[in-house]
């Protein structure tokens, strides 16, 4: 019991001690916190006081800067005002000087106006005096004319006509002499330069002249092959003619078959197909169709290669592939027996030489020369002349205006717009006029000569005319009583112009006008 009481008392004492200790700790913390808060409040009041002092100092500095800025602005405004007033004074002085100059000019203008008025008055007086003198001269002239008419026995109109006639004869003579002199000088100089240029070009460009025909001949190994080509009831030859569009002539010519046709491409296709059939030995309609198809493909490759070789030979690059094919087709076209592709390559080379001699663009000249007859590759397939079709092709494949104009003007259908177009004209004529380059049929040749004689014989005073030298020269005999020596110069010029306007021919035609007087007598 006593022990229990003792334990309880001890526990109670311990609790009381713990409670007292807790309260003591809280009190200590409270006093410590209050001390810290007091220190913080002191520091805060000090910071606030420092901040208020700094603000007052900043305010004073700001007010001082503001006063300084106001003083500077005031000084600048005063300075600007002074500058403005100075500029205004200078402007006023300038305006004053301008007004004085204008006033002086007005005074000068007034003086000149007065002087002009005086001159006008003086001119008016002179005109009046001249008018009176003109009237007097007219009256005197009438009197003089009447006196001259009485003395000469001619009226004024008759005298005028007589005078005009005498003057006309003198002028005609002088004109003929002047024309002859100028033409001779110009011709000598032009011929000298042209001959040098043309001869140099021709010497530097050599081309083969091969006359093309409208038939092809295929050699046969023996005459028995003719029957196999004809076939049973002619079915083989009919199949070949139908597929190629040509005529096969099988006659008594030994070991030969003639292929006739105006289209060289069809004729060449038939020739290749027939040669392949002869080599193969099996000739029947199905085999003919097969060989014609192979020949067509082979010919297309040949055409392409021919176009490429022509472009390389002419030195022209950058052509469209379709234009290359059209060039290759020209290998199988002829003009008066002259191969068109060889002619075009030759023209391109001549153009290049002449353009180089004249300091022009050689590449453009060669291109224009090569393409000038490009329309001939399709002129038998479409309507229009080869010039119109050539211009369409050139425009379609974006050729330059210089090349298009050269194509359009190479036969004189339009005016050439550049020296390159003139060069193409000359090169085309040179290539066509080479000996043996072209051939004409007898009918065309005779027609041209007859037309030339008809043109020369249509002029007044022409007695006879003869076309000689294959139409390169015409000799005109005139009536001496109707055509004088001076008239011959004008007549030769008129005949030349008429031939140029009415005929188409390569090269040039020489016009010789001959006037001859003969007197015959007999001694008895």
Protein backbone atom coordinates (compact mmCIF):
# COMPACT_ATOMS: atom_id res chain seq x y z
CA UNK A 1 0.00 0.00 0.00
CA UNK A 2 2.72 2.37 0.94
CA UNK A 3 4.64 1.37 -2.19
CA UNK A 4 1.63 2.09 -4.37
CA UNK A 5 1.18 5.47 -2.80
CA UNK A 6 4.83 6.19 -3.33
CA UNK A 7 4.62 5.24 -7.03
CA UNK A 8 1.55 7.39 -7.53
CA UNK A 9 3.20 10.31 -5.85
CA UNK A 10 6.31 9.84 -8.01
CA UNK A 11 4.20 9.73 -11.18
CA UNK A 12 2.31 12.80 -10.16
CA UNK A 13 5.55 14.64 -9.44
CA UNK A 14 6.93 13.62 -12.79
CA UNK A 15 3.82 14.89 -14.58
CA UNK A 16 3.91 18.16 -12.76
CA UNK A 17 7.61 18.52 -13.60
CA UNK A 18 6.97 17.83 -17.28
CA UNK A 19 4.15 20.36 -17.42
CA UNK A 20 6.28 23.01 -15.79
CA UNK A 21 9.12 22.25 -18.19
CA UNK A 22 6.76 22.65 -21.24
CA UNK A 23 5.45 25.95 -20.01
CA UNK A 24 8.96 27.19 -19.36
CA UNK A 25 10.08 26.26 -22.89
CA UNK A 26 7.11 28.06 -24.46
CA UNK A 27 7.86 31.15 -22.48
CA UNK A 28 11.48 31.11 -23.60
CA UNK A 29 10.49 30.75 -27.21
CA UNK A 30 8.01 33.57 -26.86
CA UNK A 31 10.58 35.93 -25.43
CA UNK A 32 13.14 34.94 -28.13
CA UNK A 33 10.58 35.51 -30.92
CA UNK A 34 9.59 38.90 -29.56
CA UNK A 35 13.25 39.93 -29.51
CA UNK A 36 13.73 38.86 -33.14
CA UNK A 37 10.56 40.68 -34.23
CA UNK A 38 11.81 43.82 -32.49
CA UNK A 39 15.15 43.62 -34.31
CA UNK A 40 13.41 43.05 -37.69
CA UNK A 41 11.09 45.99 -37.15
CA UNK A 42 14.11 48.18 -36.35
CA UNK A 43 15.89 47.12 -39.50
CA UNK A 44 12.72 47.66 -41.56
CA UNK A 45 12.29 51.19 -40.22
CA UNK A 46 15.90 51.90 -41.07
CA UNK A 47 15.49 50.56 -44.65
CA UNK A 48 12.33 52.66 -45.10
CA UNK A 49 14.10 55.75 -43.83
CA UNK A 50 17.02 55.10 -46.22
CA UNK A 51 14.61 54.59 -49.12
CA UNK A 52 12.76 57.83 -48.36
CA UNK A 53 16.07 59.68 -48.24
CA UNK A 54 17.17 58.18 -51.55
CA UNK A 55 13.81 59.09 -53.14
CA UNK A 56 14.17 62.67 -52.01
CA UNK A 57 17.71 62.78 -53.47
CA UNK A 58 16.49 61.27 -56.80
CA UNK A 59 13.65 63.78 -56.97
CA UNK A 60 16.08 66.63 -56.53
CA UNK A 61 18.34 65.26 -59.30
CA UNK A 62 15.35 64.76 -61.60
CA UNK A 63 14.17 68.31 -61.09
CA UNK A 64 17.69 69.60 -61.82
CA UNK A 65 17.85 67.54 -65.07
CA UNK A 66 14.42 68.77 -66.05
CA UNK A 67 15.49 72.36 -65.59
CA UNK A 68 18.65 71.72 -67.63
CA UNK A 69 16.58 70.08 -70.47
CA UNK A 70 14.16 73.01 -70.53
CA UNK A 71 17.10 75.38 -70.83
CA UNK A 72 18.61 73.38 -73.72
CA UNK A 73 15.23 73.23 -75.55
CA UNK A 74 14.79 76.93 -75.12
CA UNK A 75 18.27 77.61 -76.49
CA UNK A 76 17.64 75.32 -79.51
CA UNK A 77 14.28 76.96 -80.26
CA UNK A 78 15.93 80.38 -80.14
CA UNK A 79 18.67 79.17 -82.46
CA UNK A 80 16.14 77.61 -84.90
CA UNK A 81 14.12 80.82 -84.87
CA UNK A 82 17.24 82.81 -85.71
CA UNK A 83 18.13 80.41 -88.55
CA UNK A 84 14.59 80.61 -89.90
CA UNK A 85 14.59 84.37 -89.83
CA UNK A 86 17.96 84.39 -91.61
CA UNK A 87 16.65 82.02 -94.31
CA UNK A 88 13.52 84.15 -94.74
CA UNK A 89 15.68 87.24 -95.21
CA UNK A 90 17.79 85.40 -97.82
CA UNK A 91 14.67 84.15 -99.65
CA UNK A 92 13.22 87.63 -99.69
CA UNK A 93 16.47 88.96 -101.13
CA UNK A 94 16.44 86.23 -103.82
CA UNK A 95 12.80 86.96 -104.68
CA UNK A 96 13.66 90.62 -104.94
CA UNK A 97 16.53 89.86 -107.32
CA UNK A 98 14.27 87.56 -109.40
CA UNK A 99 11.63 90.28 -109.64
CA UNK A 100 14.25 92.72 -110.87
CA UNK A 101 15.47 90.23 -113.52
CA UNK A 102 11.92 89.54 -114.67
CA UNK A 103 11.24 93.22 -114.89
CA UNK A 104 14.37 93.68 -117.01
CA UNK A 105 13.31 90.79 -119.30
CA UNK A 106 9.87 92.29 -119.72
CA UNK A 107 11.45 95.58 -120.66
CA UNK A 108 13.68 93.80 -123.22
CA UNK A 109 10.67 91.93 -124.61
CA UNK A 110 8.78 95.19 -124.98
CA UNK A 111 11.75 96.69 -126.83
CA UNK A 112 11.98 93.64 -129.14
CA UNK A 113 8.24 93.72 -129.75
CA UNK A 114 8.50 97.36 -130.78
CA UNK A 115 11.41 96.50 -133.07
CA UNK A 116 9.45 93.61 -134.63
CA UNK A 117 6.46 95.80 -135.21
CA UNK A 118 8.68 98.30 -136.97
CA UNK A 119 10.21 95.51 -139.09
CA UNK A 120 6.76 94.16 -139.95
CA UNK A 121 5.67 97.58 -141.03
CA UNK A 122 8.83 97.90 -143.11
CA UNK A 123 8.23 94.46 -144.70
CA UNK A 124 4.63 95.36 -145.43
CA UNK A 125 5.80 98.50 -147.18
CA UNK A 126 8.36 96.47 -149.16
CA UNK A 127 5.72 93.91 -150.13
CA UNK A 128 3.48 96.64 -151.39
CA UNK A 129 6.36 98.09 -153.39
CA UNK A 130 7.30 94.63 -154.76
CA UNK A 131 3.70 93.93 -155.66
CA UNK A 132 3.56 97.15 -157.65
CA UNK A 133 6.85 96.28 -159.36
CA UNK A 134 5.57 92.72 -160.10
CA UNK A 135 2.48 94.17 -161.74
CA UNK A 136 4.66 96.47 -163.79
CA UNK A 137 6.95 93.58 -164.78
CA UNK A 138 3.95 91.44 -165.76
CA UNK A 139 2.68 94.19 -168.00
CA UNK A 140 6.16 94.65 -169.51
CA UNK A 141 6.46 90.82 -169.98
CA UNK A 142 3.14 90.72 -171.81
CA UNK A 143 4.31 93.52 -174.08
CA UNK A 144 7.64 91.68 -174.63
CA UNK A 145 5.89 88.40 -175.44
CA UNK A 146 3.61 90.12 -177.96
CA UNK A 147 6.61 91.79 -179.61
CA UNK A 148 8.49 88.44 -179.71
CA UNK A 149 5.44 86.70 -181.20
CA UNK A 150 5.25 89.38 -183.91
CA UNK A 151 8.99 89.06 -184.67
CA UNK A 152 9.20 85.20 -184.57
CA UNK A 153 5.82 84.43 -186.04
CA UNK A 154 5.18 81.87 -183.24
CA UNK A 155 2.75 81.96 -180.37
CA UNK A 156 3.99 81.57 -176.81
CA UNK A 157 2.61 78.00 -176.62
CA UNK A 158 4.40 77.04 -179.82
CA UNK A 159 7.64 78.59 -178.60
CA UNK A 160 7.28 76.80 -175.26
CA UNK A 161 6.70 73.47 -176.97
CA UNK A 162 9.72 74.01 -179.21
CA UNK A 163 11.87 74.88 -176.20
CA UNK A 164 10.65 71.86 -174.22
CA UNK A 165 11.37 69.57 -177.14
CA UNK A 166 14.94 70.85 -177.47
CA UNK A 167 15.45 70.62 -173.71
CA UNK A 168 13.94 67.11 -173.65
CA UNK A 169 16.44 65.88 -176.22
CA UNK A 170 19.33 67.40 -174.26
CA UNK A 171 18.06 65.92 -171.00
CA UNK A 172 17.55 62.50 -172.59
CA UNK A 173 21.08 62.54 -173.89
CA UNK A 174 22.49 63.68 -170.56
CA UNK A 175 20.37 61.12 -168.71
CA UNK A 176 21.52 58.30 -170.95
CA UNK A 177 25.16 59.31 -170.52
CA UNK A 178 24.73 59.62 -166.73
CA UNK A 179 22.93 56.29 -166.43
CA UNK A 180 25.55 54.57 -168.54
CA UNK A 181 28.39 56.11 -166.56
CA UNK A 182 26.86 55.29 -163.18
CA UNK A 183 25.88 51.78 -164.22
CA UNK A 184 29.35 51.08 -165.57
CA UNK A 185 31.00 52.36 -162.40
CA UNK A 186 28.60 50.50 -160.12
CA UNK A 187 28.77 47.35 -162.23
CA UNK A 188 32.55 47.36 -162.32
CA UNK A 189 32.83 47.79 -158.57
CA UNK A 190 30.01 45.37 -157.77
CA UNK A 191 31.20 42.77 -160.25
CA UNK A 192 34.74 43.00 -158.94
CA UNK A 193 33.66 42.46 -155.35
CA UNK A 194 30.97 39.92 -156.22
CA UNK A 195 33.31 37.90 -158.43
CA UNK A 196 35.90 37.76 -155.70
CA UNK A 197 33.32 36.64 -153.17
CA UNK A 198 31.54 34.15 -155.43
CA UNK A 199 34.72 32.66 -156.89
CA UNK A 200 36.20 32.30 -153.43
CA UNK A 201 33.02 30.62 -152.19
CA UNK A 202 32.75 28.27 -155.17
CA UNK A 203 36.41 27.29 -154.95
CA UNK A 204 36.05 26.46 -151.27
CA UNK A 205 32.84 24.44 -151.74
CA UNK A 206 32.95 21.48 -154.09
CA UNK A 207 29.84 19.38 -154.62
CA UNK A 208 28.98 16.48 -156.89
CA UNK A 209 26.24 17.13 -159.41
CA UNK A 210 24.14 14.02 -159.90
CA UNK A 211 21.18 14.10 -162.24
CA UNK A 212 18.28 12.12 -160.80
CA UNK A 213 15.66 10.35 -162.91
CA UNK A 214 12.14 9.10 -162.40
CA UNK A 215 12.98 5.42 -162.90
CA UNK A 216 15.08 2.81 -161.12
CA UNK A 217 16.50 -0.34 -162.70
CA UNK A 218 16.86 -3.59 -160.76
CA UNK A 219 19.24 -6.18 -162.20
CA UNK A 220 18.04 -9.79 -162.27
CA UNK A 221 20.22 -12.92 -162.02
CA UNK A 222 18.43 -14.36 -165.09
CA UNK A 223 15.38 -13.81 -167.26
CA UNK A 224 13.48 -16.65 -165.55
CA UNK A 225 13.12 -14.36 -162.54
CA UNK A 226 10.78 -12.10 -164.56
CA UNK A 227 8.11 -14.78 -164.62
CA UNK A 228 8.41 -15.37 -160.88
CA UNK A 229 8.08 -11.63 -160.26
CA UNK A 230 4.93 -11.50 -162.39
CA UNK A 231 3.49 -14.55 -160.67
CA UNK A 232 0.47 -16.62 -161.49
CA UNK A 233 -1.99 -14.42 -163.41
CA UNK A 234 0.11 -11.39 -162.39
CA UNK A 235 -0.75 -11.56 -158.69
CA UNK A 236 2.84 -10.93 -157.49
CA UNK A 237 3.43 -7.85 -159.61
CA UNK A 238 -0.01 -6.46 -158.73
CA UNK A 239 0.68 -6.92 -155.00
CA UNK A 240 4.05 -5.19 -155.27
CA UNK A 241 2.63 -2.28 -157.30
CA UNK A 242 -0.33 -1.86 -154.92
CA UNK A 243 1.77 -1.82 -151.76
CA UNK A 244 4.49 0.49 -153.08
CA UNK A 245 2.48 2.75 -155.40
CA UNK A 246 4.85 2.40 -158.37
CA UNK A 247 4.74 0.81 -161.81
CA UNK A 248 6.91 -2.21 -162.67
CA UNK A 249 7.89 -2.39 -166.32
CA UNK A 250 8.95 -5.87 -167.38
CA UNK A 251 9.84 -5.84 -171.07
CA UNK A 252 12.45 -7.34 -173.37
CA UNK A 253 15.33 -5.68 -171.57
CA UNK A 254 17.61 -8.55 -170.66
CA UNK A 255 17.96 -9.36 -166.96
CA UNK A 256 16.42 -6.09 -165.78
CA UNK A 257 13.18 -4.74 -164.31
CA UNK A 258 12.33 -1.05 -164.51
CA UNK A 259 10.58 0.63 -161.56
CA UNK A 260 8.76 3.81 -162.63
CA UNK A 261 7.29 6.44 -160.30
CA UNK A 262 7.45 10.15 -159.60
CA UNK A 263 7.74 9.67 -155.82
CA UNK A 264 11.41 8.77 -155.16
CA UNK A 265 10.64 7.38 -151.69
CA UNK A 266 8.07 4.93 -153.04
CA UNK A 267 10.39 4.03 -155.89
CA UNK A 268 13.26 3.38 -153.46
CA UNK A 269 10.98 1.29 -151.22
CA UNK A 270 9.98 -0.84 -154.22
CA UNK A 271 13.61 -1.25 -155.29
CA UNK A 272 14.76 -2.39 -151.85
CA UNK A 273 11.81 -4.78 -151.50
CA UNK A 274 12.38 -6.27 -154.96
CA UNK A 275 16.09 -6.77 -154.34
CA UNK A 276 15.33 -8.53 -151.04
CA UNK A 277 12.79 -10.79 -152.79
CA UNK A 278 15.30 -11.70 -155.50
CA UNK A 279 17.92 -12.60 -152.88
CA UNK A 280 15.41 -14.58 -150.82
CA UNK A 281 14.06 -16.43 -153.86
CA UNK A 282 10.57 -16.93 -152.39
CA UNK A 283 8.21 -14.59 -154.23
CA UNK A 284 4.53 -14.66 -153.28
CA UNK A 285 2.05 -12.04 -151.92
CA UNK A 286 2.69 -12.76 -148.22
CA UNK A 287 6.47 -12.59 -148.71
CA UNK A 288 6.07 -9.41 -150.76
CA UNK A 289 4.17 -7.75 -147.88
CA UNK A 290 6.88 -8.80 -145.43
CA UNK A 291 9.70 -7.50 -147.63
CA UNK A 292 7.92 -4.19 -148.31
CA UNK A 293 7.52 -3.67 -144.55
CA UNK A 294 11.23 -4.41 -143.97
CA UNK A 295 12.19 -2.09 -146.84
CA UNK A 296 10.04 0.68 -145.35
CA UNK A 297 11.75 0.38 -141.95
CA UNK A 298 15.18 0.26 -143.56
CA UNK A 299 14.36 3.34 -145.66
CA UNK A 300 13.20 5.26 -142.56
CA UNK A 301 16.55 4.56 -140.91
CA UNK A 302 18.32 5.62 -144.11
CA UNK A 303 16.32 8.87 -144.17
CA UNK A 304 17.25 9.64 -140.56
CA UNK A 305 20.92 8.90 -141.19
CA UNK A 306 20.90 11.04 -144.35
CA UNK A 307 19.45 13.98 -142.40
CA UNK A 308 22.01 13.64 -139.61
CA UNK A 309 24.91 13.34 -142.09
CA UNK A 310 23.68 16.40 -144.01
CA UNK A 311 23.49 18.47 -140.81
CA UNK A 312 27.00 17.36 -139.80
CA UNK A 313 28.38 18.03 -143.29
CA UNK A 314 26.82 21.51 -143.34
CA UNK A 315 28.04 22.26 -139.81
CA UNK A 316 24.54 22.93 -138.43
CA UNK A 317 23.71 21.71 -134.92
CA UNK A 318 20.72 21.74 -132.59
CA UNK A 319 18.06 20.81 -135.16
CA UNK A 320 14.81 19.23 -134.00
CA UNK A 321 14.61 15.44 -134.67
CA UNK A 322 11.56 15.96 -136.91
CA UNK A 323 13.50 18.53 -138.94
CA UNK A 324 16.34 15.98 -139.27
CA UNK A 325 13.85 13.50 -140.75
CA UNK A 326 12.50 16.10 -143.17
CA UNK A 327 16.08 16.82 -144.27
CA UNK A 328 16.64 13.11 -144.87
CA UNK A 329 13.51 12.91 -147.05
CA UNK A 330 15.04 15.59 -149.29
CA UNK A 331 17.63 12.98 -150.34
CA UNK A 332 14.87 11.42 -152.41
CA UNK A 333 13.62 14.69 -153.93
CA UNK A 334 14.93 16.35 -157.07
CA UNK A 335 14.51 19.78 -158.66
CA UNK A 336 15.22 19.92 -162.39
CA UNK A 337 17.18 16.69 -161.89
CA UNK A 338 19.29 18.17 -159.04
CA UNK A 339 19.24 16.31 -155.72
CA UNK A 340 17.59 18.69 -153.23
CA UNK A 341 19.55 17.49 -150.17
CA UNK A 342 22.93 17.87 -151.89
CA UNK A 343 21.77 21.27 -153.17
CA UNK A 344 20.77 22.36 -149.63
CA UNK A 345 24.10 21.24 -148.12
CA UNK A 346 25.96 23.07 -150.88
CA UNK A 347 23.90 26.23 -150.29
CA UNK A 348 24.62 26.02 -146.55
CA UNK A 349 28.37 25.75 -147.19
CA UNK A 350 28.30 28.64 -149.68
CA UNK A 351 26.35 30.75 -147.18
CA UNK A 352 28.90 29.99 -144.47
CA UNK A 353 31.82 31.02 -146.68
CA UNK A 354 30.16 34.25 -147.86
CA UNK A 355 28.97 35.17 -144.36
CA UNK A 356 32.50 34.68 -143.04
CA UNK A 357 33.91 36.92 -145.80
CA UNK A 358 31.33 39.62 -144.99
CA UNK A 359 31.71 39.42 -141.20
CA UNK A 360 28.21 38.04 -140.54
CA UNK A 361 27.02 35.25 -138.24
CA UNK A 362 28.26 32.07 -139.98
CA UNK A 363 26.11 29.69 -137.90
CA UNK A 364 22.85 31.48 -138.71
CA UNK A 365 23.81 31.74 -142.40
CA UNK A 366 24.53 27.99 -142.61
CA UNK A 367 21.30 27.16 -140.80
CA UNK A 368 19.25 29.35 -143.17
CA UNK A 369 21.01 27.86 -146.21
CA UNK A 370 20.41 24.28 -145.10
CA UNK A 371 16.72 24.85 -144.32
CA UNK A 372 15.83 27.15 -147.26
CA UNK A 373 14.24 24.28 -149.29
CA UNK A 374 12.89 22.25 -146.32
CA UNK A 375 9.36 22.69 -147.69
CA UNK A 376 10.23 20.50 -150.70
CA UNK A 377 10.26 17.43 -148.46
CA UNK A 378 6.47 17.75 -147.95
CA UNK A 379 5.22 19.93 -150.83
CA UNK A 380 3.87 16.86 -152.70
CA UNK A 381 1.86 15.81 -149.62
CA UNK A 382 0.28 19.15 -148.60
CA UNK A 383 -1.15 22.12 -150.45
CA UNK A 384 1.02 25.18 -150.88
CA UNK A 385 4.34 26.10 -152.42
CA UNK A 386 7.57 24.76 -150.95
CA UNK A 387 8.30 28.28 -149.61
CA UNK A 388 5.00 28.50 -147.70
CA UNK A 389 5.42 24.98 -146.31
CA UNK A 390 9.04 25.69 -145.38
CA UNK A 391 8.02 28.81 -143.46
CA UNK A 392 5.35 26.79 -141.61
CA UNK A 393 7.92 24.13 -140.65
CA UNK A 394 10.41 26.76 -139.46
CA UNK A 395 7.79 28.50 -137.33
CA UNK A 396 6.52 25.20 -135.94
CA UNK A 397 9.99 24.23 -134.71
CA UNK A 398 10.81 27.71 -133.31
CA UNK A 399 13.43 28.87 -135.80
CA UNK A 400 14.63 32.48 -135.52
CA UNK A 401 12.98 35.30 -137.54
CA UNK A 402 16.21 35.66 -139.57
CA UNK A 403 16.02 32.04 -140.73
CA UNK A 404 12.28 32.30 -141.46
CA UNK A 405 12.75 35.45 -143.55
CA UNK A 406 15.64 33.82 -145.46
CA UNK A 407 13.39 30.83 -146.33
CA UNK A 408 10.54 33.15 -147.31
CA UNK A 409 12.70 35.47 -149.44
CA UNK A 410 15.08 33.07 -151.21
CA UNK A 411 12.99 33.23 -154.42
CA UNK A 412 12.14 36.94 -154.09
CA UNK A 413 8.53 36.39 -152.93
CA UNK A 414 9.09 38.86 -150.07
CA UNK A 415 11.71 41.50 -149.41
CA UNK A 416 14.83 40.23 -147.59
CA UNK A 417 15.16 41.80 -144.15
CA UNK A 418 18.82 40.97 -143.58
CA UNK A 419 22.07 40.40 -145.42
CA UNK A 420 21.83 36.71 -144.53
CA UNK A 421 18.62 36.44 -146.58
CA UNK A 422 20.44 38.05 -149.54
CA UNK A 423 23.32 35.59 -149.10
CA UNK A 424 20.87 32.66 -149.21
CA UNK A 425 19.41 34.04 -152.46
CA UNK A 426 22.88 34.30 -154.01
CA UNK A 427 24.02 30.86 -152.79
CA UNK A 428 20.80 29.26 -154.08
CA UNK A 429 21.36 30.81 -157.52
CA UNK A 430 25.04 29.78 -157.56
CA UNK A 431 24.24 26.17 -156.66
CA UNK A 432 21.47 25.98 -159.26
CA UNK A 433 23.58 27.63 -161.99
CA UNK A 434 26.58 25.30 -161.70
CA UNK A 435 27.29 23.55 -165.03
CA UNK A 436 25.41 20.26 -165.05
CA UNK A 437 23.64 20.93 -161.77
CA UNK A 438 20.20 21.04 -163.33
CA UNK A 439 18.62 19.76 -166.50
CA UNK A 440 15.58 21.03 -168.32
CA UNK A 441 13.17 19.26 -170.59
CA UNK A 442 13.22 20.31 -174.23
CA UNK A 443 9.71 21.73 -173.95
CA UNK A 444 10.59 23.90 -170.92
CA UNK A 445 13.79 25.06 -172.61
CA UNK A 446 12.03 26.09 -175.83
CA UNK A 447 9.24 27.82 -173.88
CA UNK A 448 11.74 29.88 -171.92
CA UNK A 449 13.58 30.98 -175.06
CA UNK A 450 10.32 31.86 -176.80
CA UNK A 451 9.14 33.89 -173.82
CA UNK A 452 12.45 35.75 -173.73
CA UNK A 453 12.19 36.66 -177.43
CA UNK A 454 8.56 37.75 -177.03
CA UNK A 455 9.43 40.11 -174.18
CA UNK A 456 12.29 41.74 -176.08
CA UNK A 457 10.27 41.99 -179.31
CA UNK A 458 7.39 43.82 -177.61
CA UNK A 459 9.31 47.12 -177.32
CA UNK A 460 8.86 49.89 -179.87
CA UNK A 461 11.70 50.21 -182.36
CA UNK A 462 12.86 46.55 -181.98
CA UNK A 463 13.26 44.90 -185.38
CA UNK A 464 14.41 41.41 -184.37
CA UNK A 465 15.56 39.61 -181.21
CA UNK A 466 17.42 36.34 -180.73
CA UNK A 467 17.94 34.32 -177.55
CA UNK A 468 21.37 32.65 -177.63
CA UNK A 469 23.77 30.88 -175.26
CA UNK A 470 20.94 28.65 -173.95
CA UNK A 471 18.98 31.72 -172.91
CA UNK A 472 21.89 33.36 -171.08
CA UNK A 473 22.05 36.18 -173.65
CA UNK A 474 19.57 37.98 -175.86
CA UNK A 475 20.54 40.14 -178.85
CA UNK A 476 18.13 42.87 -179.85
CA UNK A 477 18.31 44.47 -183.31
CA UNK A 478 16.70 47.94 -183.43
CA UNK A 479 15.58 50.20 -186.28
CA UNK A 480 18.23 52.95 -186.60
CA UNK A 481 15.69 55.56 -187.71
CA UNK A 482 13.58 55.02 -184.56
CA UNK A 483 16.20 54.36 -181.88
CA UNK A 484 19.18 56.69 -181.41
CA UNK A 485 22.44 55.85 -179.67
CA UNK A 486 21.21 57.52 -176.50
CA UNK A 487 17.89 55.66 -176.66
CA UNK A 488 19.76 52.33 -176.78
CA UNK A 489 20.96 52.75 -173.19
CA UNK A 490 17.43 53.38 -171.92
CA UNK A 491 15.99 50.55 -174.07
CA UNK A 492 18.51 48.00 -172.73
CA UNK A 493 17.64 49.04 -169.19
CA UNK A 494 13.88 48.79 -169.82
CA UNK A 495 14.25 45.34 -171.41
CA UNK A 496 16.32 44.10 -168.44
CA UNK A 497 13.70 45.34 -165.97
CA UNK A 498 10.91 43.69 -167.98
CA UNK A 499 12.74 40.35 -168.05
CA UNK A 500 13.39 40.52 -164.30
CA UNK A 501 9.73 41.17 -163.53
CA UNK A 502 8.21 38.54 -165.88
CA UNK A 503 10.64 35.61 -165.94
CA UNK A 504 12.19 33.20 -163.45
CA UNK A 505 15.66 31.95 -164.32
CA UNK A 506 18.93 30.98 -162.58
CA UNK A 507 21.95 33.25 -162.92
CA UNK A 508 21.68 36.29 -165.17
CA UNK A 509 20.69 37.17 -168.75
CA UNK A 510 22.83 39.51 -170.83
CA UNK A 511 20.89 42.03 -172.96
CA UNK A 512 22.73 43.25 -176.08
CA UNK A 513 21.06 46.08 -178.04
CA UNK A 514 22.53 46.46 -181.54
CA UNK A 515 21.99 49.48 -183.82
CA UNK A 516 23.53 49.29 -187.27
CA UNK A 517 23.27 51.52 -190.33
CA UNK A 518 24.43 50.32 -193.75
CA UNK A 519 24.69 52.19 -197.03
CA UNK A 520 25.20 50.26 -200.25
CA UNK A 521 26.12 51.65 -203.68
CA UNK A 522 27.51 50.25 -206.90
CA UNK A 523 30.26 51.61 -209.15
CA UNK A 524 29.38 51.13 -212.82
